[in-house]
Amino acid sequence: MRKLKLYSAASLDNKIARKDGAIDWLPDPNAGEGYGYQNFLATVDTLLMGYKTYEVCVGFGEWP
Protein backbone atom coordinates (compact mmCIF):
# COMPACT_ATOMS: atom_id res chain seq x y z
CA MET A 1 0.00 0.00 0.00
CA ARG A 2 1.28 3.47 -0.92
CA LYS A 3 1.68 6.25 1.59
CA LEU A 4 -0.42 9.37 1.27
CA LYS A 5 1.20 12.63 2.39
CA LEU A 6 -0.51 15.98 2.71
CA TYR A 7 1.39 19.25 2.39
CA SER A 8 -0.72 22.32 2.87
CA ALA A 9 0.10 25.89 3.80
CA ALA A 10 -2.56 27.45 5.99
CA SER A 11 -2.80 30.47 8.24
CA LEU A 12 -3.52 30.11 11.97
CA ASP A 13 -7.23 30.56 11.24
CA ASN A 14 -6.99 27.58 8.83
CA LYS A 15 -7.32 29.61 5.62
CA ILE A 16 -5.27 28.97 2.49
CA ALA A 17 -6.05 32.24 0.69
CA ARG A 18 -7.55 35.60 1.55
CA LYS A 19 -11.21 36.24 0.74
CA ASP A 20 -10.14 37.88 -2.54
CA GLY A 21 -8.02 34.81 -3.42
CA ALA A 22 -4.68 36.50 -2.66
CA ILE A 23 -1.86 34.31 -1.34
CA ASP A 24 0.56 37.17 -0.69
CA TRP A 25 1.02 36.03 2.91
CA LEU A 26 2.82 32.85 1.76
CA PRO A 27 6.62 32.98 1.60
CA ASP A 28 8.08 33.18 -1.91
CA PRO A 29 9.75 29.78 -2.54
CA ASN A 30 12.23 31.45 -4.93
CA ALA A 31 13.37 34.07 -2.40
CA GLY A 32 15.30 32.44 0.41
CA GLU A 33 14.10 29.67 2.69
CA GLY A 34 11.69 27.24 1.02
CA TYR A 35 10.73 25.61 4.35
CA GLY A 36 11.51 22.14 2.99
CA TYR A 37 9.16 22.38 0.02
CA GLN A 38 11.76 21.32 -2.58
CA ASN A 39 12.83 18.37 -0.42
CA PHE A 40 9.20 17.35 -0.01
CA LEU A 41 8.49 17.65 -3.76
CA ALA A 42 11.46 15.35 -4.47
CA THR A 43 9.55 12.56 -2.67
CA VAL A 44 6.27 13.09 -4.56
CA ASP A 45 5.28 11.11 -7.65
CA THR A 46 1.68 12.33 -7.97
CA LEU A 47 0.26 15.77 -7.30
CA LEU A 48 -3.44 16.44 -6.79
CA MET A 49 -4.82 19.97 -6.63
CA GLY A 50 -8.13 21.70 -7.05
CA TYR A 51 -9.06 23.68 -10.13
CA LYS A 52 -8.70 27.09 -8.47
CA THR A 53 -5.25 26.14 -7.17
CA TYR A 54 -4.28 24.94 -10.65
CA GLU A 55 -5.43 28.23 -12.20
CA VAL A 56 -3.27 30.18 -9.73
CA CYS A 57 -0.24 27.94 -10.36
CA VAL A 58 -0.55 28.29 -14.14
CA GLY A 59 -0.27 32.04 -13.66
CA PHE A 60 3.15 31.64 -11.99
CA GLY A 61 4.82 30.62 -15.26
CA GLU A 62 7.33 27.79 -15.09
CA TRP A 63 6.61 25.19 -12.41
CA PRO A 64 9.13 25.50 -9.55
PDB file of N, CA and C in Angstrom:
ATOM      1  N   MET A   1       0.843  -1.178   0.000  1.00  0.00           N
ATOM      2  CA  MET A   1       0.000   0.000   0.000  1.00  0.00           C
ATOM      3  C   MET A   1       0.894   1.249   0.000  1.00  0.00           C
ATOM      4  N   ARG A   2       0.517   2.229  -0.809  1.00  0.00           N
ATOM      5  CA  ARG A   2       1.281   3.474  -0.916  1.00  0.00           C
ATOM      6  C   ARG A   2       0.931   4.416   0.217  1.00  0.00           C
ATOM      7  N   LYS A   3       1.899   5.229   0.578  1.00  0.00           N
ATOM      8  CA  LYS A   3       1.677   6.252   1.592  1.00  0.00           C
ATOM      9  C   LYS A   3       1.032   7.473   0.954  1.00  0.00           C
ATOM     10  N   LEU A   4       0.196   8.117   1.694  1.00  0.00           N
ATOM     11  CA  LEU A   4      -0.423   9.367   1.271  1.00  0.00           C
ATOM     12  C   LEU A   4       0.100  10.457   2.193  1.00  0.00           C
ATOM     13  N   LYS A   5       0.677  11.506   1.613  1.00  0.00           N
ATOM     14  CA  LYS A   5       1.197  12.628   2.388  1.00  0.00           C
ATOM     15  C   LYS A   5       0.440  13.873   1.991  1.00  0.00           C
ATOM     16  N   LEU A   6       0.154  14.707   2.965  1.00  0.00           N
ATOM     17  CA  LEU A   6      -0.513  15.980   2.705  1.00  0.00           C
ATOM     18  C   LEU A   6       0.440  17.105   3.061  1.00  0.00           C
ATOM     19  N   TYR A   7       0.597  18.048   2.143  1.00  0.00           N
ATOM     20  CA  TYR A   7       1.387  19.254   2.388  1.00  0.00           C
ATOM     21  C   TYR A   7       0.472  20.415   2.072  1.00  0.00           C
ATOM     22  N   SER A   8       0.175  21.193   3.080  1.00  0.00           N
ATOM     23  CA  SER A   8      -0.720  22.320   2.870  1.00  0.00           C
ATOM     24  C   SER A   8      -0.249  23.503   3.697  1.00  0.00           C
ATOM     25  N   ALA A   9      -0.219  24.663   3.079  1.00  0.00           N
ATOM     26  CA  ALA A   9       0.096  25.888   3.805  1.00  0.00           C
ATOM     27  C   ALA A   9      -1.223  26.512   4.221  1.00  0.00           C
ATOM     28  N   ALA A  10      -1.342  26.837   5.491  1.00  0.00           N
ATOM     29  CA  ALA A  10      -2.564  27.454   5.990  1.00  0.00           C
ATOM     30  C   ALA A  10      -2.201  28.450   7.087  1.00  0.00           C
ATOM     31  N   SER A  11      -2.997  29.479   7.178  1.00  0.00           N
ATOM     32  CA  SER A  11      -2.796  30.469   8.241  1.00  0.00           C
ATOM     33  C   SER A  11      -3.313  29.896   9.566  1.00  0.00           C
ATOM     34  N   LEU A  12      -3.073  30.587  10.653  1.00  0.00           N
ATOM     35  CA  LEU A  12      -3.516  30.105  11.967  1.00  0.00           C
ATOM     36  C   LEU A  12      -5.033  29.965  12.064  1.00  0.00           C
ATOM     37  N   ASP A  13      -5.771  30.711  11.238  1.00  0.00           N
ATOM     38  CA  ASP A  13      -7.225  30.564  11.236  1.00  0.00           C
ATOM     39  C   ASP A  13      -7.678  29.536  10.197  1.00  0.00           C
ATOM     40  N   ASN A  14      -6.726  28.710   9.727  1.00  0.00           N
ATOM     41  CA  ASN A  14      -6.989  27.579   8.827  1.00  0.00           C
ATOM     42  C   ASN A  14      -7.455  27.995   7.438  1.00  0.00           C
ATOM     43  N   LYS A  15      -6.992  29.141   6.970  1.00  0.00           N
ATOM     44  CA  LYS A  15      -7.317  29.614   5.625  1.00  0.00           C
ATOM     45  C   LYS A  15      -6.105  29.422   4.727  1.00  0.00           C
ATOM     46  N   ILE A  16      -6.348  29.149   3.461  1.00  0.00           N
ATOM     47  CA  ILE A  16      -5.266  28.974   2.495  1.00  0.00           C
ATOM     48  C   ILE A  16      -5.071  30.254   1.690  1.00  0.00           C
ATOM     49  N   ALA A  17      -6.134  30.980   1.450  1.00  0.00           N
ATOM     50  CA  ALA A  17      -6.052  32.242   0.695  1.00  0.00           C
ATOM     51  C   ALA A  17      -6.931  33.283   1.381  1.00  0.00           C
ATOM     52  N   ARG A  18      -6.686  34.531   1.042  1.00  0.00           N
ATOM     53  CA  ARG A  18      -7.545  35.605   1.551  1.00  0.00           C
ATOM     54  C   ARG A  18      -8.909  35.527   0.847  1.00  0.00           C
ATOM     55  N   LYS A  19      -9.863  36.266   1.345  1.00  0.00           N
ATOM     56  CA  LYS A  19     -11.207  36.244   0.741  1.00  0.00           C
ATOM     57  C   LYS A  19     -11.178  36.607  -0.733  1.00  0.00           C
ATOM     58  N   ASP A  20     -10.234  37.482  -1.130  1.00  0.00           N
ATOM     59  CA  ASP A  20     -10.142  37.879  -2.535  1.00  0.00           C
ATOM     60  C   ASP A  20      -9.271  36.912  -3.351  1.00  0.00           C
ATOM     61  N   GLY A  21      -8.825  35.815  -2.725  1.00  0.00           N
ATOM     62  CA  GLY A  21      -8.016  34.815  -3.423  1.00  0.00           C
ATOM     63  C   GLY A  21      -6.522  35.058  -3.335  1.00  0.00           C
ATOM     64  N   ALA A  22      -6.105  36.167  -2.737  1.00  0.00           N
ATOM     65  CA  ALA A  22      -4.678  36.499  -2.655  1.00  0.00           C
ATOM     66  C   ALA A  22      -3.931  35.520  -1.748  1.00  0.00           C
ATOM     67  N   ILE A  23      -2.722  35.187  -2.143  1.00  0.00           N
ATOM     68  CA  ILE A  23      -1.864  34.312  -1.342  1.00  0.00           C
ATOM     69  C   ILE A  23      -0.558  35.026  -1.006  1.00  0.00           C
ATOM     70  N   ASP A  24      -0.632  36.359  -0.933  1.00  0.00           N
ATOM     71  CA  ASP A  24       0.557  37.166  -0.691  1.00  0.00           C
ATOM     72  C   ASP A  24       1.186  36.932   0.680  1.00  0.00           C
ATOM     73  N   TRP A  25       0.473  36.306   1.593  1.00  0.00           N
ATOM     74  CA  TRP A  25       1.022  36.030   2.915  1.00  0.00           C
ATOM     75  C   TRP A  25       1.963  34.829   2.908  1.00  0.00           C
ATOM     76  N   LEU A  26       1.923  34.020   1.850  1.00  0.00           N
ATOM     77  CA  LEU A  26       2.819  32.851   1.760  1.00  0.00           C
ATOM     78  C   LEU A  26       4.233  33.293   1.415  1.00  0.00           C
ATOM     79  N   PRO A  27       5.249  32.628   1.969  1.00  0.00           N
ATOM     80  CA  PRO A  27       6.618  32.983   1.600  1.00  0.00           C
ATOM     81  C   PRO A  27       6.900  32.620   0.144  1.00  0.00           C
ATOM     82  N   ASP A  28       7.695  33.435  -0.531  1.00  0.00           N
ATOM     83  CA  ASP A  28       8.076  33.182  -1.914  1.00  0.00           C
ATOM     84  C   ASP A  28       9.119  32.061  -1.930  1.00  0.00           C
ATOM     85  N   PRO A  29       8.810  30.906  -2.547  1.00  0.00           N
ATOM     86  CA  PRO A  29       9.754  29.784  -2.544  1.00  0.00           C
ATOM     87  C   PRO A  29      11.041  30.079  -3.312  1.00  0.00           C
ATOM     88  N   ASN A  30      11.035  31.106  -4.154  1.00  0.00           N
ATOM     89  CA  ASN A  30      12.230  31.449  -4.928  1.00  0.00           C
ATOM     90  C   ASN A  30      13.095  32.502  -4.236  1.00  0.00           C
ATOM     91  N   ALA A  31      12.643  33.001  -3.092  1.00  0.00           N
ATOM     92  CA  ALA A  31      13.374  34.066  -2.403  1.00  0.00           C
ATOM     93  C   ALA A  31      13.761  33.611  -0.995  1.00  0.00           C
ATOM     94  N   GLY A  32      14.821  32.837  -0.910  1.00  0.00           N
ATOM     95  CA  GLY A  32      15.301  32.442   0.413  1.00  0.00           C
ATOM     96  C   GLY A  32      14.824  31.063   0.829  1.00  0.00           C
ATOM     97  N   GLU A  33      14.472  30.946   2.080  1.00  0.00           N
ATOM     98  CA  GLU A  33      14.098  29.666   2.687  1.00  0.00           C
ATOM     99  C   GLU A  33      12.816  29.117   2.073  1.00  0.00           C
ATOM    100  N   GLY A  34      12.862  27.882   1.609  1.00  0.00           N
ATOM    101  CA  GLY A  34      11.695  27.240   1.022  1.00  0.00           C
ATOM    102  C   GLY A  34      10.944  26.368   2.015  1.00  0.00           C
ATOM    103  N   TYR A  35      11.393  26.354   3.280  1.00  0.00           N
ATOM    104  CA  TYR A  35      10.729  25.613   4.345  1.00  0.00           C
ATOM    105  C   TYR A  35      10.557  24.127   4.008  1.00  0.00           C
ATOM    106  N   GLY A  36      11.516  23.570   3.283  1.00  0.00           N
ATOM    107  CA  GLY A  36      11.505  22.138   2.990  1.00  0.00           C
ATOM    108  C   GLY A  36      10.641  21.732   1.818  1.00  0.00           C
ATOM    109  N   TYR A  37      10.078  22.701   1.114  1.00  0.00           N
ATOM    110  CA  TYR A  37       9.158  22.377   0.018  1.00  0.00           C
ATOM    111  C   TYR A  37       9.850  21.603  -1.102  1.00  0.00           C
ATOM    112  N   GLN A  38      11.051  22.030  -1.505  1.00  0.00           N
ATOM    113  CA  GLN A  38      11.761  21.318  -2.585  1.00  0.00           C
ATOM    114  C   GLN A  38      12.110  19.893  -2.163  1.00  0.00           C
ATOM    115  N   ASN A  39      12.529  19.719  -0.916  1.00  0.00           N
ATOM    116  CA  ASN A  39      12.829  18.373  -0.418  1.00  0.00           C
ATOM    117  C   ASN A  39      11.577  17.508  -0.413  1.00  0.00           C
ATOM    118  N   PHE A  40      10.463  18.092  -0.012  1.00  0.00           N
ATOM    119  CA  PHE A  40       9.203  17.354  -0.010  1.00  0.00           C
ATOM    120  C   PHE A  40       8.803  16.970  -1.435  1.00  0.00           C
ATOM    121  N   LEU A  41       8.875  17.930  -2.371  1.00  0.00           N
ATOM    122  CA  LEU A  41       8.492  17.645  -3.761  1.00  0.00           C
ATOM    123  C   LEU A  41       9.338  16.537  -4.375  1.00  0.00           C
ATOM    124  N   ALA A  42      10.587  16.404  -3.948  1.00  0.00           N
ATOM    125  CA  ALA A  42      11.465  15.352  -4.471  1.00  0.00           C
ATOM    126  C   ALA A  42      10.948  13.960  -4.103  1.00  0.00           C
ATOM    127  N   THR A  43      10.086  13.862  -3.090  1.00  0.00           N
ATOM    128  CA  THR A  43       9.551  12.559  -2.673  1.00  0.00           C
ATOM    129  C   THR A  43       8.177  12.268  -3.272  1.00  0.00           C
ATOM    130  N   VAL A  44       7.635  13.205  -4.043  1.00  0.00           N
ATOM    131  CA  VAL A  44       6.268  13.091  -4.564  1.00  0.00           C
ATOM    132  C   VAL A  44       6.283  12.559  -5.991  1.00  0.00           C
ATOM    133  N   ASP A  45       5.393  11.598  -6.272  1.00  0.00           N
ATOM    134  CA  ASP A  45       5.281  11.115  -7.652  1.00  0.00           C
ATOM    135  C   ASP A  45       3.936  11.465  -8.275  1.00  0.00           C
ATOM    136  N   THR A  46       2.989  11.922  -7.481  1.00  0.00           N
ATOM    137  CA  THR A  46       1.675  12.330  -7.975  1.00  0.00           C
ATOM    138  C   THR A  46       1.243  13.571  -7.207  1.00  0.00           C
ATOM    139  N   LEU A  47       0.701  14.531  -7.922  1.00  0.00           N
ATOM    140  CA  LEU A  47       0.255  15.772  -7.297  1.00  0.00           C
ATOM    141  C   LEU A  47      -1.211  15.980  -7.625  1.00  0.00           C
ATOM    142  N   LEU A  48      -2.007  16.219  -6.611  1.00  0.00           N
ATOM    143  CA  LEU A  48      -3.439  16.442  -6.794  1.00  0.00           C
ATOM    144  C   LEU A  48      -3.765  17.827  -6.258  1.00  0.00           C
ATOM    145  N   MET A  49      -4.421  18.633  -7.071  1.00  0.00           N
ATOM    146  CA  MET A  49      -4.816  19.970  -6.630  1.00  0.00           C
ATOM    147  C   MET A  49      -6.175  20.313  -7.220  1.00  0.00           C
ATOM    148  N   GLY A  50      -6.833  21.233  -6.569  1.00  0.00           N
ATOM    149  CA  GLY A  50      -8.127  21.698  -7.051  1.00  0.00           C
ATOM    150  C   GLY A  50      -7.970  22.629  -8.252  1.00  0.00           C
ATOM    151  N   TYR A  51      -9.072  22.869  -8.920  1.00  0.00           N
ATOM    152  CA  TYR A  51      -9.058  23.682 -10.130  1.00  0.00           C
ATOM    153  C   TYR A  51      -8.598  25.110  -9.857  1.00  0.00           C
ATOM    154  N   LYS A  52      -9.092  25.716  -8.773  1.00  0.00           N
ATOM    155  CA  LYS A  52      -8.697  27.088  -8.468  1.00  0.00           C
ATOM    156  C   LYS A  52      -7.200  27.165  -8.170  1.00  0.00           C
ATOM    157  N   THR A  53      -6.682  26.179  -7.455  1.00  0.00           N
ATOM    158  CA  THR A  53      -5.246  26.139  -7.174  1.00  0.00           C
ATOM    159  C   THR A  53      -4.466  25.991  -8.470  1.00  0.00           C
ATOM    160  N   TYR A  54      -4.930  25.130  -9.361  1.00  0.00           N
ATOM    161  CA  TYR A  54      -4.279  24.941 -10.653  1.00  0.00           C
ATOM    162  C   TYR A  54      -4.244  26.257 -11.436  1.00  0.00           C
ATOM    163  N   GLU A  55      -5.367  26.959 -11.472  1.00  0.00           N
ATOM    164  CA  GLU A  55      -5.432  28.231 -12.199  1.00  0.00           C
ATOM    165  C   GLU A  55      -4.409  29.227 -11.651  1.00  0.00           C
ATOM    166  N   VAL A  56      -4.254  29.278 -10.338  1.00  0.00           N
ATOM    167  CA  VAL A  56      -3.275  30.184  -9.735  1.00  0.00           C
ATOM    168  C   VAL A  56      -1.861  29.751 -10.125  1.00  0.00           C
ATOM    169  N   CYS A  57      -1.581  28.456 -10.041  1.00  0.00           N
ATOM    170  CA  CYS A  57      -0.239  27.939 -10.357  1.00  0.00           C
ATOM    171  C   CYS A  57       0.136  28.167 -11.813  1.00  0.00           C
ATOM    172  N   VAL A  58      -0.812  28.053 -12.721  1.00  0.00           N
ATOM    173  CA  VAL A  58      -0.547  28.293 -14.141  1.00  0.00           C
ATOM    174  C   VAL A  58      -0.089  29.735 -14.346  1.00  0.00           C
ATOM    175  N   GLY A  59      -0.632  30.635 -13.550  1.00  0.00           N
ATOM    176  CA  GLY A  59      -0.266  32.043 -13.660  1.00  0.00           C
ATOM    177  C   GLY A  59       1.149  32.353 -13.187  1.00  0.00           C
ATOM    178  N   PHE A  60       1.789  31.436 -12.475  1.00  0.00           N
ATOM    179  CA  PHE A  60       3.146  31.637 -11.992  1.00  0.00           C
ATOM    180  C   PHE A  60       4.190  31.483 -13.079  1.00  0.00           C
ATOM    181  N   GLY A  61       3.830  30.889 -14.203  1.00  0.00           N
ATOM    182  CA  GLY A  61       4.815  30.621 -15.256  1.00  0.00           C
ATOM    183  C   GLY A  61       5.379  29.221 -15.101  1.00  0.00           C
ATOM    184  N   GLU A  62       6.695  29.096 -15.183  1.00  0.00           N
ATOM    185  CA  GLU A  62       7.330  27.790 -15.089  1.00  0.00           C
ATOM    186  C   GLU A  62       7.119  27.184 -13.701  1.00  0.00           C
ATOM    187  N   TRP A  63       6.829  25.876 -13.674  1.00  0.00           N
ATOM    188  CA  TRP A  63       6.609  25.186 -12.413  1.00  0.00           C
ATOM    189  C   TRP A  63       7.919  25.133 -11.623  1.00  0.00           C
ATOM    190  N   PRO A  64       7.882  25.469 -10.336  1.00  0.00           N
ATOM    191  CA  PRO A  64       9.126  25.502  -9.554  1.00  0.00           C
ATOM    192  C   PRO A  64       9.719  24.115  -9.430  1.00  0.00           C
TER     193      PRO A  64
END
